[in-house]
């Protein structure tokens, strides 16, 4: 059982928004893990670069002179391709001519090459990897997450994760190993959880375990995998990345296939972001300015939110993401430390500005739609064209919608929430003399007649645009009554009722939808969320009720 303490508090004070998001994604089974060489490095498993050097130094490969002749800028896949071809040529030299170019010889060479890779991969490992789990700085805390998530991706050739799962398996689970290893995400899996996917293939430590049917460890295989991403052959992986929020640990962004997969996802799912752990030790000298620069670059190019973490902090993060930690205990800890646990973003703007389109890109967050029930039939008519009786009917329905959304915010313990329209929006549809009484009605509808509750505050993202273009867009949805002049008036009214505190006005003119999504993402994920700098919506209601806001 996890006991929250100082390491957890320190981490939350820097990354509370990201921790609550990852925790919610884990709870909703939309979380994933992606590992790189950093996971196994502490146990003597070499990185790809080191592995290439060890292979070159092997007496039967004798490839150090080959590496020395290769230009320094050459990639690791090219270097391994050269070493393999040198190894293959040597084997041809000692084989009888009649065996040359036979399938038997080629298979023997491939077998022996894989044996060399296994030998050098585990040369620095003392004993079985699975037995060393207790000395790993954070994998113990991650194992419960691996067991509960649908698929874990590892770019490592070793089977450290599998050995660790097997070593810590519940004795009562006798029907299987407790995980499934795959090198192709296309087929249907036997299990619903704990799928370990090796995109580059796997070479198990135990020689009795069968290696994977492919190994991405040469220029040819690497190029084939990269072309496969561009051609759509990695659709299974892309689908996983688009539907889950992944935590990347022990990885280098120098990996071309990983970068390509991330950039592909950033292009087609601009609102879906993953988390990248940039490892730091206690002596790390990165300045705050350097960290912000790295964070911005990773955010804009790869849709990655960068977390600068020590081993202890990675361990603390895993413990807080795990759903084995009770929600109430987690929430109470945040309250006790006076750390924000709910992050609310209201997206608003005149009709047709594209707010719903933008919000649809953020389904990885807790999204509260504009209407929680089927749209009222009278909403198709512009507000000025409604009769008094129709307005009262629509008002009651709209107020009930905002009441339900505010109740959801009040009852939810933590998370990042994005709301389609803010509760002050209905006031922008009313003429100024009507706003004060309408604010009174809405406050009572949302907070109860006794006013025992409050309208939830948050950051308001007010999208603006070219009202002539917006009017044309609305024709497609059969809302011709909203002319350019009416939309300009609505935009002005929205700015008026929300004020300036805690409000970000964002002009969308000339921008593609993806550009708008990325700007909104910056506000949601990167910009400060200070409780004293939010839009106090309850106070705005009271000001308008007292007829103060309308003259500001």
Protein backbone atom coordinates (compact mmCIF):
# COMPACT_ATOMS: atom_id res chain seq x y z
CA UNK A 1 0.00 0.00 0.00
CA UNK A 2 1.34 3.43 -0.99
CA UNK A 3 1.94 6.01 1.72
CA UNK A 4 2.08 9.50 0.26
CA UNK A 5 4.91 11.62 1.63
CA UNK A 6 7.48 14.29 0.81
CA UNK A 7 8.60 12.89 -2.60
CA UNK A 8 4.97 12.82 -3.75
CA UNK A 9 4.33 16.33 -2.47
CA UNK A 10 7.44 17.70 -4.19
CA UNK A 11 6.38 16.13 -7.48
CA UNK A 12 2.80 17.39 -7.19
CA UNK A 13 3.92 20.96 -6.53
CA UNK A 14 5.58 20.95 -9.96
CA UNK A 15 3.36 18.65 -11.98
CA UNK A 16 -0.04 18.33 -10.24
CA UNK A 17 -1.99 18.97 -13.44
CA UNK A 18 -0.11 16.23 -15.27
CA UNK A 19 -0.32 13.72 -12.42
CA UNK A 20 -4.10 14.04 -12.09
CA UNK A 21 -4.46 13.70 -15.87
CA UNK A 22 -2.35 10.52 -16.02
CA UNK A 23 -4.20 9.12 -13.02
CA UNK A 24 -7.57 9.69 -14.68
CA UNK A 25 -6.38 8.14 -17.94
CA UNK A 26 -5.22 5.10 -15.99
CA UNK A 27 -8.59 4.86 -14.27
CA UNK A 28 -10.42 5.06 -17.60
CA UNK A 29 -8.11 2.42 -19.18
CA UNK A 30 -6.68 4.92 -21.65
CA UNK A 31 -3.14 4.90 -20.31
CA UNK A 32 -0.05 3.31 -21.84
CA UNK A 33 3.68 2.94 -21.18
CA UNK A 34 6.56 3.19 -23.65
CA UNK A 35 10.07 2.18 -22.55
CA UNK A 36 13.56 2.62 -23.94
CA UNK A 37 17.10 1.55 -23.08
CA UNK A 38 17.17 3.64 -19.90
CA UNK A 39 14.94 1.06 -18.22
CA UNK A 40 17.55 -1.73 -18.36
CA UNK A 41 20.80 0.26 -18.39
CA UNK A 42 21.38 0.08 -14.63
CA UNK A 43 21.66 -3.73 -14.81
CA UNK A 44 24.37 -3.85 -17.42
CA UNK A 45 22.11 -4.15 -20.48
CA UNK A 46 23.83 -1.93 -23.08
CA UNK A 47 22.24 0.78 -25.18
CA UNK A 48 22.13 0.22 -28.93
CA UNK A 49 25.28 2.34 -29.33
CA UNK A 50 27.17 0.31 -26.72
CA UNK A 51 25.85 -2.95 -28.13
CA UNK A 52 27.23 -2.07 -31.58
CA UNK A 53 30.62 -1.36 -30.02
CA UNK A 54 30.61 -4.67 -28.13
CA UNK A 55 29.69 -6.60 -31.28
CA UNK A 56 32.48 -4.92 -33.24
CA UNK A 57 34.98 -5.92 -30.54
CA UNK A 58 33.89 -9.57 -30.60
CA UNK A 59 36.76 -11.73 -31.95
CA UNK A 60 34.46 -13.60 -34.36
CA UNK A 61 33.03 -10.37 -35.72
CA UNK A 62 36.31 -8.39 -35.71
CA UNK A 63 34.60 -5.25 -36.89
CA UNK A 64 36.39 -2.41 -35.10
CA UNK A 65 38.27 -1.47 -38.28
CA UNK A 66 34.97 -1.47 -40.14
CA UNK A 67 33.43 0.97 -37.66
CA UNK A 68 36.52 3.16 -37.78
CA UNK A 69 36.11 3.53 -41.55
CA UNK A 70 32.44 4.57 -41.30
CA UNK A 71 31.73 8.35 -41.20
CA UNK A 72 30.98 9.47 -37.61
CA UNK A 73 27.58 10.82 -38.64
CA UNK A 74 26.39 7.44 -39.88
CA UNK A 75 23.41 6.07 -37.97
CA UNK A 76 23.49 3.01 -35.74
CA UNK A 77 21.35 0.91 -38.14
CA UNK A 78 23.91 1.55 -40.89
CA UNK A 79 26.77 0.54 -38.57
CA UNK A 80 25.05 -2.70 -37.60
CA UNK A 81 24.34 -3.40 -41.26
CA UNK A 82 28.04 -3.03 -42.02
CA UNK A 83 29.02 -5.29 -39.12
CA UNK A 84 26.56 -7.96 -40.22
CA UNK A 85 27.76 -7.86 -43.82
CA UNK A 86 31.36 -8.14 -42.59
CA UNK A 87 30.36 -11.10 -40.38
CA UNK A 88 28.50 -12.68 -43.29
CA UNK A 89 31.47 -12.25 -45.63
CA UNK A 90 33.75 -13.91 -43.07
CA UNK A 91 31.41 -16.88 -42.81
CA UNK A 92 31.36 -17.19 -46.59
CA UNK A 93 35.16 -17.25 -46.59
CA UNK A 94 35.33 -20.29 -44.31
CA UNK A 95 32.39 -22.11 -45.95
CA UNK A 96 32.74 -24.43 -48.92
CA UNK A 97 31.83 -22.81 -52.27
CA UNK A 98 28.97 -25.26 -52.90
CA UNK A 99 27.16 -23.92 -49.83
CA UNK A 100 27.38 -20.30 -50.93
CA UNK A 101 24.01 -18.57 -51.43
CA UNK A 102 22.10 -21.54 -50.13
CA UNK A 103 19.20 -21.07 -47.74
CA UNK A 104 20.90 -23.37 -45.26
CA UNK A 105 24.01 -21.20 -44.99
CA UNK A 106 22.02 -17.95 -44.85
CA UNK A 107 19.88 -19.35 -42.02
CA UNK A 108 22.95 -20.51 -40.14
CA UNK A 109 24.56 -17.07 -40.48
CA UNK A 110 21.37 -15.36 -39.27
CA UNK A 111 21.17 -17.80 -36.33
CA UNK A 112 24.78 -17.24 -35.33
CA UNK A 113 24.44 -13.46 -35.69
CA UNK A 114 21.45 -13.47 -33.33
CA UNK A 115 23.44 -15.62 -30.92
CA UNK A 116 26.18 -13.00 -30.99
CA UNK A 117 23.66 -10.24 -30.35
CA UNK A 118 22.20 -12.18 -27.38
CA UNK A 119 25.65 -12.94 -26.00
CA UNK A 120 26.72 -9.28 -26.11
CA UNK A 121 23.32 -7.98 -25.01
CA UNK A 122 23.48 -9.89 -21.73
CA UNK A 123 27.27 -10.05 -21.27
CA UNK A 124 27.25 -7.51 -18.46
CA UNK A 125 24.26 -9.02 -16.65
CA UNK A 126 25.03 -11.07 -13.56
CA UNK A 127 22.33 -13.75 -13.38
CA UNK A 128 18.72 -13.53 -14.50
CA UNK A 129 17.29 -10.03 -14.91
CA UNK A 130 14.04 -10.89 -13.14
CA UNK A 131 15.83 -11.58 -9.87
CA UNK A 132 17.31 -8.07 -9.84
CA UNK A 133 13.99 -6.29 -9.73
CA UNK A 134 14.26 -5.16 -6.10
CA UNK A 135 17.36 -3.13 -6.85
CA UNK A 136 15.72 -1.24 -9.72
CA UNK A 137 14.93 2.37 -8.78
CA UNK A 138 11.34 2.44 -10.07
CA UNK A 139 10.24 -0.65 -12.05
CA UNK A 140 8.60 -2.23 -9.00
CA UNK A 141 6.21 0.71 -8.84
CA UNK A 142 5.50 0.47 -12.58
CA UNK A 143 4.67 -3.25 -12.67
CA UNK A 144 1.09 -2.79 -11.37
CA UNK A 145 0.53 -0.28 -14.18
CA UNK A 146 1.96 -2.68 -16.78
CA UNK A 147 -0.35 -5.43 -15.55
CA UNK A 148 -3.45 -3.22 -15.73
CA UNK A 149 -2.83 -1.44 -19.03
CA UNK A 150 -3.82 -2.86 -22.38
CA UNK A 151 -0.42 -2.62 -24.05
CA UNK A 152 3.09 -1.66 -22.97
CA UNK A 153 5.57 -0.79 -25.72
CA UNK A 154 9.29 -1.38 -25.28
CA UNK A 155 11.93 -0.56 -27.87
CA UNK A 156 14.42 -2.77 -26.03
CA UNK A 157 15.61 -6.13 -27.32
CA UNK A 158 15.85 -7.60 -23.80
CA UNK A 159 13.03 -9.31 -21.90
CA UNK A 160 13.58 -7.52 -18.58
CA UNK A 161 9.89 -6.54 -18.31
CA UNK A 162 8.69 -10.07 -19.00
CA UNK A 163 11.10 -11.57 -16.48
CA UNK A 164 10.01 -9.05 -13.85
CA UNK A 165 6.33 -9.81 -14.43
CA UNK A 166 6.99 -13.53 -14.19
CA UNK A 167 9.14 -13.15 -11.08
CA UNK A 168 6.39 -11.19 -9.25
CA UNK A 169 3.38 -13.09 -10.59
CA UNK A 170 0.61 -13.95 -8.16
CA UNK A 171 1.07 -17.65 -7.24
CA UNK A 172 -2.67 -18.18 -7.69
CA UNK A 173 -2.41 -17.31 -11.40
CA UNK A 174 -1.48 -20.65 -12.94
CA UNK A 175 -3.29 -20.55 -16.26
CA UNK A 176 -0.75 -18.27 -17.96
CA UNK A 177 2.46 -16.32 -17.47
CA UNK A 178 0.42 -13.20 -16.74
CA UNK A 179 1.47 -11.36 -19.89
CA UNK A 180 1.67 -11.77 -23.65
CA UNK A 181 4.67 -10.76 -25.77
CA UNK A 182 4.05 -9.60 -29.34
CA UNK A 183 6.10 -8.04 -32.13
CA UNK A 184 3.11 -7.18 -34.30
CA UNK A 185 0.18 -5.11 -32.97
CA UNK A 186 -2.16 -6.21 -35.77
CA UNK A 187 -3.36 -9.68 -34.66
CA UNK A 188 -6.00 -10.18 -32.00
CA UNK A 189 -4.37 -10.75 -28.62
CA UNK A 190 -5.08 -13.62 -26.29
CA UNK A 191 -5.16 -11.31 -23.29
CA UNK A 192 -7.02 -8.08 -22.57
CA UNK A 193 -4.18 -6.61 -20.48
CA UNK A 194 -0.41 -6.83 -20.01
CA UNK A 195 0.47 -7.03 -23.71
CA UNK A 196 4.20 -6.36 -24.12
CA UNK A 197 4.89 -5.08 -27.62
CA UNK A 198 8.47 -5.07 -28.96
CA UNK A 199 8.45 -3.05 -32.25
CA UNK A 200 12.15 -3.81 -32.79
CA UNK A 201 11.84 -7.49 -31.88
CA UNK A 202 13.10 -9.35 -28.81
CA UNK A 203 16.00 -11.62 -27.91
CA UNK A 204 15.25 -13.35 -24.58
CA UNK A 205 18.03 -13.94 -22.07
CA UNK A 206 17.12 -17.61 -21.69
CA UNK A 207 18.39 -19.48 -24.77
CA UNK A 208 15.50 -21.94 -24.40
CA UNK A 209 13.00 -19.15 -25.04
CA UNK A 210 12.24 -18.62 -28.70
CA UNK A 211 13.38 -15.24 -30.07
CA UNK A 212 10.93 -13.05 -31.99
CA UNK A 213 10.41 -13.71 -35.67
CA UNK A 214 11.96 -10.38 -36.69
CA UNK A 215 14.70 -8.10 -35.42
CA UNK A 216 15.07 -4.42 -36.36
CA UNK A 217 18.82 -4.18 -35.94
CA UNK A 218 20.17 -3.23 -39.35
CA UNK A 219 19.87 -0.47 -41.92
CA UNK A 220 17.66 -2.63 -44.13
CA UNK A 221 15.24 -3.67 -41.39
CA UNK A 222 15.25 -0.16 -39.91
CA UNK A 223 14.45 1.40 -43.29
CA UNK A 224 11.71 -1.18 -43.83
CA UNK A 225 10.15 -0.30 -40.45
CA UNK A 226 10.40 3.44 -41.15
CA UNK A 227 8.84 3.05 -44.58
CA UNK A 228 6.16 0.92 -42.96
CA UNK A 229 5.21 3.84 -40.72
CA UNK A 230 4.95 6.15 -43.72
CA UNK A 231 2.99 3.57 -45.72
CA UNK A 232 0.55 2.86 -42.91
CA UNK A 233 1.87 -0.56 -41.94
CA UNK A 234 2.17 0.62 -38.34
CA UNK A 235 -1.53 1.50 -38.12
CA UNK A 236 -1.91 -0.69 -35.04
CA UNK A 237 0.73 1.33 -33.19
CA UNK A 238 -0.67 4.63 -34.47
CA UNK A 239 -4.14 3.63 -33.34
CA UNK A 240 -2.81 2.86 -29.87
CA UNK A 241 -1.05 6.23 -29.65
CA UNK A 242 -4.15 8.09 -30.82
CA UNK A 243 -6.47 6.46 -28.27
CA UNK A 244 -4.21 6.44 -25.21
CA UNK A 245 -2.15 8.84 -23.17
CA UNK A 246 1.31 7.30 -22.95
CA UNK A 247 4.15 7.83 -20.49
CA UNK A 248 7.57 7.55 -22.18
CA UNK A 249 10.42 6.46 -19.88
CA UNK A 250 14.09 5.74 -20.60
CA UNK A 251 13.79 6.81 -24.22
CA UNK A 252 15.89 8.99 -26.48
CA UNK A 253 14.20 11.13 -29.09
CA UNK A 254 17.10 10.29 -31.41
CA UNK A 255 15.22 7.13 -32.44
CA UNK A 256 13.96 7.90 -35.96
CA UNK A 257 11.06 5.43 -35.90
CA UNK A 258 9.81 6.77 -32.56
CA UNK A 259 10.09 10.37 -33.77
CA UNK A 260 8.23 9.49 -36.95
CA UNK A 261 5.43 7.79 -35.01
CA UNK A 262 5.11 10.76 -32.66
CA UNK A 263 5.14 13.35 -35.45
CA UNK A 264 2.56 11.33 -37.37
CA UNK A 265 0.34 11.35 -34.29
CA UNK A 266 0.90 15.07 -33.71
CA UNK A 267 -0.24 15.79 -37.25
CA UNK A 268 -3.42 13.73 -37.24
CA UNK A 269 -4.32 14.05 -33.54
CA UNK A 270 -3.14 17.58 -32.64
CA UNK A 271 -5.01 17.60 -29.33
CA UNK A 272 -3.67 14.28 -28.01
CA UNK A 273 -0.49 14.66 -25.95
CA UNK A 274 1.81 12.14 -24.32
CA UNK A 275 4.25 12.52 -21.41
CA UNK A 276 8.00 12.25 -21.84
CA UNK A 277 10.24 11.67 -18.81
CA UNK A 278 13.54 13.49 -19.22
CA UNK A 279 15.79 11.86 -16.65
CA UNK A 280 17.76 14.14 -14.35
CA UNK A 281 20.00 13.30 -11.42
CA UNK A 282 20.62 15.38 -8.32
CA UNK A 283 23.59 17.10 -9.95
CA UNK A 284 21.69 18.06 -13.10
CA UNK A 285 22.61 21.59 -14.09
CA UNK A 286 19.80 22.42 -16.50
CA UNK A 287 18.52 25.92 -15.84
CA UNK A 288 14.84 26.75 -15.76
CA UNK A 289 15.24 28.54 -19.09
CA UNK A 290 16.82 25.44 -20.67
CA UNK A 291 14.04 23.23 -19.34
CA UNK A 292 11.38 25.52 -20.77
CA UNK A 293 13.11 25.55 -24.15
CA UNK A 294 13.29 21.75 -24.24
CA UNK A 295 9.68 21.49 -23.09
CA UNK A 296 8.41 23.89 -25.77
CA UNK A 297 10.32 22.11 -28.55
CA UNK A 298 9.05 18.66 -27.53
CA UNK A 299 5.54 20.03 -27.15
CA UNK A 300 5.36 21.67 -30.57
CA UNK A 301 7.18 19.02 -32.62
CA UNK A 302 6.14 15.73 -30.98
CA UNK A 303 3.04 16.58 -28.88
CA UNK A 304 5.02 15.65 -25.76
CA UNK A 305 4.69 17.13 -22.29
CA UNK A 306 8.16 16.91 -20.74
CA UNK A 307 8.60 15.94 -17.09
CA UNK A 308 12.10 16.41 -15.64
CA UNK A 309 12.32 13.63 -13.03
CA UNK A 310 14.83 11.83 -10.85
CA UNK A 311 14.57 8.09 -10.20
CA UNK A 312 12.80 8.79 -6.90
CA UNK A 313 10.29 11.03 -8.66
CA UNK A 314 9.60 8.44 -11.38
CA UNK A 315 8.85 5.99 -8.59
CA UNK A 316 6.55 8.52 -6.86
CA UNK A 317 4.76 9.26 -10.14
CA UNK A 318 4.08 5.56 -10.76
CA UNK A 319 2.69 5.15 -7.23
CA UNK A 320 0.29 8.07 -7.71
CA UNK A 321 -0.92 6.93 -11.13
CA UNK A 322 -1.70 3.44 -9.85
CA UNK A 323 -5.43 3.01 -9.25
CA UNK A 324 -4.53 0.91 -6.21
CA UNK A 325 -4.12 4.27 -4.48
CA UNK A 326 -7.57 5.21 -3.19
CA UNK A 327 -9.15 8.27 -4.84
CA UNK A 328 -10.15 9.78 -1.50
CA UNK A 329 -6.68 9.33 -0.03
CA UNK A 330 -5.15 10.99 -3.09
CA UNK A 331 -7.67 13.83 -3.03
CA UNK A 332 -7.29 14.39 0.70
CA UNK A 333 -3.51 14.55 0.33
CA UNK A 334 -3.83 17.27 -2.30
CA UNK A 335 -6.26 19.20 -0.11
CA UNK A 336 -4.01 18.91 2.91
CA UNK A 337 -1.04 20.27 0.96
CA UNK A 338 -3.25 22.96 -0.62
CA UNK A 339 -2.37 21.77 -4.12
CA UNK A 340 -4.81 22.33 -6.98
CA UNK A 341 -6.52 19.10 -8.06
CA UNK A 342 -9.12 20.30 -10.57
CA UNK A 343 -8.16 22.21 -13.69
CA UNK A 344 -11.18 23.69 -15.48
CA UNK A 345 -11.14 25.31 -18.93
CA UNK A 346 -14.27 26.90 -20.39
CA UNK A 347 -14.14 27.30 -24.18
CA UNK A 348 -16.53 29.89 -25.56
CA UNK A 349 -17.02 32.21 -28.53
CA UNK A 350 -19.63 33.40 -31.01
CA UNK A 351 -21.65 30.88 -32.99
CA UNK A 352 -19.69 29.15 -35.75
CA UNK A 353 -16.22 30.04 -34.41
CA UNK A 354 -15.30 26.34 -34.18
CA UNK A 355 -15.18 25.77 -30.43
CA UNK A 356 -16.91 22.37 -30.63
CA UNK A 357 -14.54 21.30 -33.42
CA UNK A 358 -11.57 22.28 -31.26
CA UNK A 359 -12.95 20.54 -28.18
CA UNK A 360 -13.47 17.30 -30.12
CA UNK A 361 -9.69 17.04 -30.40
CA UNK A 362 -9.36 16.89 -26.60
CA UNK A 363 -11.25 13.69 -25.85
CA UNK A 364 -8.22 12.57 -23.86
CA UNK A 365 -9.38 15.07 -21.22
CA UNK A 366 -12.63 15.09 -19.24
CA UNK A 367 -14.85 16.91 -21.74
CA UNK A 368 -18.28 18.25 -20.79
CA UNK A 369 -20.20 18.90 -24.00
CA UNK A 370 -22.21 22.00 -24.72
CA UNK A 371 -25.42 20.14 -24.01
CA UNK A 372 -25.59 17.02 -21.84
CA UNK A 373 -28.97 16.08 -23.31
CA UNK A 374 -30.51 16.10 -26.77
CA UNK A 375 -30.45 19.64 -28.18
CA UNK A 376 -33.65 21.62 -27.61
CA UNK A 377 -35.56 22.06 -30.88
CA UNK A 378 -35.95 25.84 -30.40
CA UNK A 379 -32.17 26.40 -30.37
CA UNK A 380 -32.20 26.51 -34.15
CA UNK A 381 -33.93 29.92 -34.00
CA UNK A 382 -31.98 33.12 -33.14
CA UNK A 383 -32.77 34.41 -29.66
CA UNK A 384 -34.40 37.71 -30.83
CA UNK A 385 -36.89 35.73 -32.95
CA UNK A 386 -38.24 33.67 -30.02
CA UNK A 387 -41.50 34.55 -28.33
CA UNK A 388 -41.52 35.30 -24.61
CA UNK A 389 -43.01 31.89 -23.91
CA UNK A 390 -40.39 30.16 -26.08
CA UNK A 391 -37.60 32.08 -24.37
CA UNK A 392 -38.78 30.95 -20.95
CA UNK A 393 -38.92 27.35 -22.16
CA UNK A 394 -35.42 27.53 -23.67
CA UNK A 395 -34.08 29.34 -20.60
CA UNK A 396 -35.26 26.64 -18.24
CA UNK A 397 -33.69 23.95 -20.39
CA UNK A 398 -30.37 25.81 -20.79
CA UNK A 399 -30.16 26.50 -17.07
CA UNK A 400 -30.69 22.83 -16.32
CA UNK A 401 -27.76 21.99 -18.64
CA UNK A 402 -25.39 24.33 -16.83
CA UNK A 403 -26.67 23.05 -13.50
CA UNK A 404 -25.77 19.48 -14.47
CA UNK A 405 -22.29 20.45 -15.68
CA UNK A 406 -21.58 22.44 -12.52
CA UNK A 407 -22.78 19.49 -10.43
CA UNK A 408 -20.32 17.24 -12.29
CA UNK A 409 -17.44 19.59 -11.47
CA UNK A 410 -18.55 19.75 -7.85
CA UNK A 411 -18.71 15.97 -7.46
CA UNK A 412 -15.55 15.01 -9.38
CA UNK A 413 -12.47 14.83 -7.17
CA UNK A 414 -9.70 15.69 -9.67
CA UNK A 415 -8.80 15.96 -13.33
CA UNK A 416 -8.45 18.31 -16.30
CA UNK A 417 -11.90 19.42 -17.47
CA UNK A 418 -12.74 21.13 -20.74
CA UNK A 419 -16.24 22.57 -21.01
CA UNK A 420 -17.98 23.52 -24.22
CA UNK A 421 -19.34 26.99 -23.34
CA UNK A 422 -19.22 28.73 -20.00
CA UNK A 423 -22.19 29.44 -17.71
CA UNK A 424 -22.14 33.18 -18.52
CA UNK A 425 -22.77 32.53 -22.22
CA UNK A 426 -26.59 32.78 -21.95
CA UNK A 427 -26.20 36.33 -20.63
CA UNK A 428 -24.45 37.33 -23.86
CA UNK A 429 -27.58 36.38 -25.80
CA UNK A 430 -29.68 38.80 -23.75
CA UNK A 431 -29.91 42.55 -24.14
CA UNK A 432 -28.08 44.52 -21.42
CA UNK A 433 -31.23 45.51 -19.49
CA UNK A 434 -32.22 41.80 -19.33
CA UNK A 435 -28.87 40.53 -18.02
CA UNK A 436 -29.31 41.45 -14.37
CA UNK A 437 -32.57 39.50 -13.82
CA UNK A 438 -31.31 36.67 -15.98
CA UNK A 439 -28.14 36.42 -13.90
CA UNK A 440 -30.34 36.14 -10.79
CA UNK A 441 -32.31 33.29 -12.33
CA UNK A 442 -29.21 31.44 -13.50
CA UNK A 443 -27.48 31.71 -10.13
CA UNK A 444 -30.49 30.16 -8.41
CA UNK A 445 -30.80 27.49 -11.09
CA UNK A 446 -27.12 26.51 -10.91
CA UNK A 447 -26.47 26.96 -7.19
CA UNK A 448 -29.90 26.20 -5.71
CA UNK A 449 -32.51 28.56 -4.32
CA UNK A 450 -30.61 28.80 -1.01
CA UNK A 451 -27.37 29.57 -2.88
CA UNK A 452 -25.53 26.82 -0.98
CA UNK A 453 -23.19 26.11 -3.89
CA UNK A 454 -20.90 28.14 -6.12
CA UNK A 455 -20.37 28.31 -9.84
CA UNK A 456 -17.01 26.62 -10.48
CA UNK A 457 -14.26 29.05 -11.46
CA UNK A 458 -11.71 28.31 -14.19
CA UNK A 459 -9.79 29.69 -17.12
CA UNK A 460 -11.94 30.99 -19.96
CA UNK A 461 -10.71 30.55 -23.52
CA UNK A 462 -12.68 32.97 -25.70
CA UNK A 463 -12.29 32.22 -29.41
CA UNK A 464 -12.92 35.05 -31.84
CA UNK A 465 -12.99 35.12 -35.63
CA UNK A 466 -14.08 36.83 -38.82
CA UNK A 467 -17.82 37.21 -38.28
CA UNK A 468 -18.51 37.38 -42.03
CA UNK A 469 -16.97 33.91 -42.41
CA UNK A 470 -18.74 32.63 -39.31
CA UNK A 471 -22.11 33.69 -40.71
CA UNK A 472 -21.42 31.69 -43.88
CA UNK A 473 -20.50 28.60 -41.84
CA UNK A 474 -23.79 28.80 -39.97
CA UNK A 475 -25.75 28.57 -43.22
CA UNK A 476 -24.59 24.93 -43.49
CA UNK A 477 -26.22 24.16 -40.13
CA UNK A 478 -29.47 25.91 -41.11
CA UNK A 479 -28.90 28.88 -38.82
CA UNK A 480 -29.11 31.63 -41.42
CA UNK A 481 -30.58 34.03 -38.85
CA UNK A 482 -27.17 34.64 -37.28
CA UNK A 483 -25.86 37.43 -39.49
CA UNK A 484 -22.39 38.94 -39.33
CA UNK A 485 -23.70 41.92 -37.35
CA UNK A 486 -25.41 39.66 -34.80
CA UNK A 487 -22.26 37.59 -34.39
CA UNK A 488 -20.15 40.72 -33.85
CA UNK A 489 -22.60 41.84 -31.20
CA UNK A 490 -22.43 38.39 -29.57
CA UNK A 491 -18.62 38.46 -29.53
CA UNK A 492 -18.64 41.89 -27.90
CA UNK A 493 -21.20 40.74 -25.32
CA UNK A 494 -19.13 37.66 -24.43
CA UNK A 495 -16.07 39.82 -23.78
CA UNK A 496 -18.23 42.10 -21.68
CA UNK A 497 -19.85 39.47 -19.43
CA UNK A 498 -16.63 37.50 -18.81
CA UNK A 499 -14.37 40.50 -18.24
CA UNK A 500 -10.59 40.21 -18.39
CA UNK A 501 -9.50 38.31 -15.28
CA UNK A 502 -8.70 34.68 -16.08
CA UNK A 503 -9.82 35.11 -19.70
CA UNK A 504 -7.66 34.38 -22.77
CA UNK A 505 -8.99 35.92 -26.02
CA UNK A 506 -7.69 34.02 -29.03
CA UNK A 507 -8.19 35.28 -32.58
CA UNK A 508 -8.63 32.30 -34.94
CA UNK A 509 -8.68 34.27 -38.20
CA UNK A 510 -6.42 32.77 -40.86
CA UNK A 511 -5.57 29.71 -38.77
CA UNK A 512 -6.16 26.07 -39.66
CA UNK A 513 -8.16 24.05 -37.09
CA UNK A 514 -4.99 22.17 -36.04
CA UNK A 515 -3.24 25.47 -35.27
CA UNK A 516 -6.14 26.55 -33.07
CA UNK A 517 -6.06 23.18 -31.29
CA UNK A 518 -2.33 23.52 -30.57
CA UNK A 519 -2.74 27.02 -29.14
CA UNK A 520 -5.57 25.82 -26.89
CA UNK A 521 -3.38 22.86 -25.88
CA UNK A 522 -0.64 25.26 -24.74
CA UNK A 523 -3.14 27.03 -22.48
CA UNK A 524 -4.46 23.76 -21.09
CA UNK A 525 -1.20 21.90 -20.54
CA UNK A 526 1.60 24.45 -20.19
CA UNK A 527 0.40 27.84 -19.01
CA UNK A 528 0.13 28.66 -15.32
CA UNK A 529 -3.09 27.71 -13.55
CA UNK A 530 -3.08 29.78 -10.37
CA UNK A 531 -6.27 29.75 -8.32
CA UNK A 532 -5.99 33.51 -7.71
CA UNK A 533 -5.75 34.22 -11.45
CA UNK A 534 -8.84 32.34 -12.62
CA UNK A 535 -12.10 33.77 -13.81
CA UNK A 536 -14.35 33.85 -10.73
CA UNK A 537 -17.58 33.03 -12.54
CA UNK A 538 -19.69 33.15 -9.41
CA UNK A 539 -18.47 36.66 -8.69
CA UNK A 540 -19.14 37.70 -12.30
CA UNK A 541 -22.71 36.46 -11.95
CA UNK A 542 -23.14 38.50 -8.78
CA UNK A 543 -21.67 41.60 -10.42
CA UNK A 544 -24.01 41.32 -13.38
CA UNK A 545 -26.93 40.64 -11.07
CA UNK A 546 -26.09 43.89 -9.33
CA UNK A 547 -25.78 45.55 -12.76
CA UNK A 548 -22.08 46.32 -12.26
CA UNK A 549 -20.43 44.19 -14.94
CA UNK A 550 -22.44 45.69 -17.80
CA UNK A 551 -20.71 49.05 -17.45
CA UNK A 552 -17.14 47.69 -17.26
